[in-house]
């Protein structure tokens, strides 16, 4: 599937994914705070919504984006001073996302616990009502 300029839609999606990673705004939660010195073609493929092996050096059309990925990774490895500041920023962003996720999961847990307690109380009420009904029926039986 190719767009009007001869570039496949998959490569366009990968280019967009690479840009999101470089901007620090990935869609995949595991890529938030990614150290660009660890950027790989498989990470870009996953960010684009494909499997790890989508981008391959054996495909001529993929060579330009793979070269970009390797260039960005090499550049990130050259600048240790600036990457530590960026690393801290990415880690803070990741921390914020994890805190939000924790709050959401805690809220869900509390709701489920509340529901379970309500169900448990209702079961006890029904069991007690069942016992009372059974004992009333036993008392009403005629003696022979």
Protein backbone atom coordinates (compact mmCIF):
# COMPACT_ATOMS: atom_id res chain seq x y z
CA UNK A 1 0.00 0.00 0.00
CA UNK A 2 1.64 3.19 -1.15
CA UNK A 3 0.68 6.80 -0.79
CA UNK A 4 0.78 9.26 -3.71
CA UNK A 5 4.53 9.91 -3.41
CA UNK A 6 5.48 6.21 -3.51
CA UNK A 7 6.12 5.83 0.22
CA UNK A 8 4.21 3.06 1.95
CA UNK A 9 1.68 4.04 4.59
CA UNK A 10 3.55 1.85 7.07
CA UNK A 11 6.67 3.94 6.63
CA UNK A 12 4.67 7.14 7.06
CA UNK A 13 3.27 5.76 10.31
CA UNK A 14 6.80 4.81 11.41
CA UNK A 15 8.07 8.33 10.60
CA UNK A 16 5.27 9.78 12.74
CA UNK A 17 6.09 7.34 15.54
CA UNK A 18 9.77 8.32 15.38
CA UNK A 19 8.84 11.98 15.62
CA UNK A 20 6.61 11.31 18.65
CA UNK A 21 9.48 9.48 20.33
CA UNK A 22 11.88 12.33 19.59
CA UNK A 23 9.35 14.86 20.91
CA UNK A 24 8.89 12.80 24.07
CA UNK A 25 5.17 12.29 23.37
CA UNK A 26 4.82 8.57 22.58
CA UNK A 27 1.50 6.72 22.54
CA UNK A 28 2.94 3.50 24.04
CA UNK A 29 3.27 3.93 27.84
CA UNK A 30 6.51 1.93 28.01
CA UNK A 31 8.15 4.46 25.70
CA UNK A 32 7.45 7.45 27.95
CA UNK A 33 10.78 8.72 29.22
CA UNK A 34 12.73 6.63 26.73
CA UNK A 35 16.43 7.42 26.70
CA UNK A 36 17.15 8.25 23.05
CA UNK A 37 20.48 6.46 23.31
CA UNK A 38 18.37 3.28 23.51
CA UNK A 39 16.24 4.12 20.45
CA UNK A 40 15.97 1.18 18.03
CA UNK A 41 14.03 0.25 14.92
CA UNK A 42 12.01 -2.24 16.96
CA UNK A 43 10.95 0.49 19.41
CA UNK A 44 9.85 2.70 16.51
CA UNK A 45 7.96 -0.26 14.99
CA UNK A 46 6.13 -0.90 18.27
CA UNK A 47 5.34 2.80 18.69
CA UNK A 48 3.90 2.78 15.16
CA UNK A 49 1.62 -0.13 16.08
CA UNK A 50 3.53 -2.87 14.27
CA UNK A 51 5.48 -5.82 15.64
CA UNK A 52 9.15 -5.48 16.60
CA UNK A 53 10.40 -6.78 13.27
CA UNK A 54 8.50 -4.46 10.95
CA UNK A 55 11.47 -2.22 10.09
CA UNK A 56 14.23 -4.28 8.49
CA UNK A 57 17.57 -3.43 6.97
CA UNK A 58 16.89 -5.98 4.24
CA UNK A 59 14.06 -3.78 2.88
CA UNK A 60 15.45 -0.94 0.76
CA UNK A 61 12.52 1.32 1.52
CA UNK A 62 13.24 1.02 5.25
CA UNK A 63 16.91 2.00 5.07
CA UNK A 64 16.37 5.78 5.30
CA UNK A 65 14.31 5.63 8.50
CA UNK A 66 16.66 3.05 10.02
CA UNK A 67 19.56 5.41 9.25
CA UNK A 68 17.69 8.25 10.98
CA UNK A 69 17.07 6.09 14.04
CA UNK A 70 20.73 5.12 14.24
CA UNK A 71 21.79 8.75 13.77
CA UNK A 72 19.54 9.95 16.59
CA UNK A 73 20.79 7.15 18.83
CA UNK A 74 24.42 8.00 18.04
CA UNK A 75 23.78 11.71 18.66
CA UNK A 76 22.15 10.93 22.02
CA UNK A 77 25.20 8.86 22.99
CA UNK A 78 27.53 11.80 22.18
CA UNK A 79 25.83 14.31 24.48
CA UNK A 80 25.96 12.94 28.03
CA UNK A 81 25.39 16.34 29.70
CA UNK A 82 22.21 17.26 27.90
CA UNK A 83 20.84 13.73 27.93
CA UNK A 84 20.98 13.60 31.72
CA UNK A 85 18.78 16.70 31.90
CA UNK A 86 16.45 15.24 29.32
CA UNK A 87 16.57 11.93 31.16
CA UNK A 88 15.45 13.60 34.37
CA UNK A 89 12.65 15.35 32.50
CA UNK A 90 11.53 12.09 30.90
CA UNK A 91 11.66 10.29 34.23
CA UNK A 92 9.56 13.02 35.84
CA UNK A 93 7.02 12.74 33.02
CA UNK A 94 6.94 8.98 33.44
CA UNK A 95 6.51 9.40 37.19
CA UNK A 96 3.52 11.68 36.62
CA UNK A 97 1.94 9.11 34.29
CA UNK A 98 2.56 6.29 36.76
CA UNK A 99 1.07 8.33 39.60
CA UNK A 100 -2.06 8.95 37.52
CA UNK A 101 -2.28 5.25 36.71
CA UNK A 102 -1.85 4.36 40.38
CA UNK A 103 -4.63 6.75 41.38
CA UNK A 104 -6.95 5.26 38.76
CA UNK A 105 -6.17 1.67 39.75
CA UNK A 106 -6.60 2.51 43.45
CA UNK A 107 -10.00 4.03 42.71
CA UNK A 108 -11.03 0.91 40.79
CA UNK A 109 -9.81 -1.30 43.64
CA UNK A 110 -11.80 0.72 46.18
CA UNK A 111 -14.95 0.44 44.06
CA UNK A 112 -14.57 -3.31 43.75
CA UNK A 113 -13.94 -3.68 47.49
CA UNK A 114 -17.05 -1.62 48.25
CA UNK A 115 -19.13 -3.76 45.90
CA UNK A 116 -17.75 -6.95 47.47
CA UNK A 117 -18.61 -5.73 50.97
CA UNK A 118 -22.13 -4.82 49.85
CA UNK A 119 -22.57 -8.24 48.24
CA UNK A 120 -21.22 -9.96 51.35
CA UNK A 121 -23.69 -8.06 53.56
CA UNK A 122 -26.57 -8.94 51.22
CA UNK A 123 -25.61 -12.63 51.22
CA UNK A 124 -25.60 -12.60 55.04
CA UNK A 125 -29.06 -10.99 55.05
CA UNK A 126 -30.41 -13.60 52.65
CA UNK A 127 -28.83 -16.46 54.60
CA UNK A 128 -30.35 -15.14 57.82
CA UNK A 129 -33.75 -14.71 56.16
CA UNK A 130 -33.50 -18.24 54.81
CA UNK A 131 -32.69 -19.60 58.28
CA UNK A 132 -35.63 -17.74 59.81
CA UNK A 133 -38.00 -19.00 57.14
CA UNK A 134 -36.81 -22.57 57.64
CA UNK A 135 -37.23 -22.35 61.42
CA UNK A 136 -40.75 -20.89 61.02
CA UNK A 137 -41.71 -23.75 58.70
CA UNK A 138 -40.39 -26.27 61.18
CA UNK A 139 -42.54 -24.77 63.99
CA UNK A 140 -45.71 -24.82 61.87
CA UNK A 141 -45.55 -28.50 61.01
CA UNK A 142 -48.53 -30.33 62.49
CA UNK A 143 -47.69 -33.00 65.01
CA UNK A 144 -49.00 -36.38 64.41
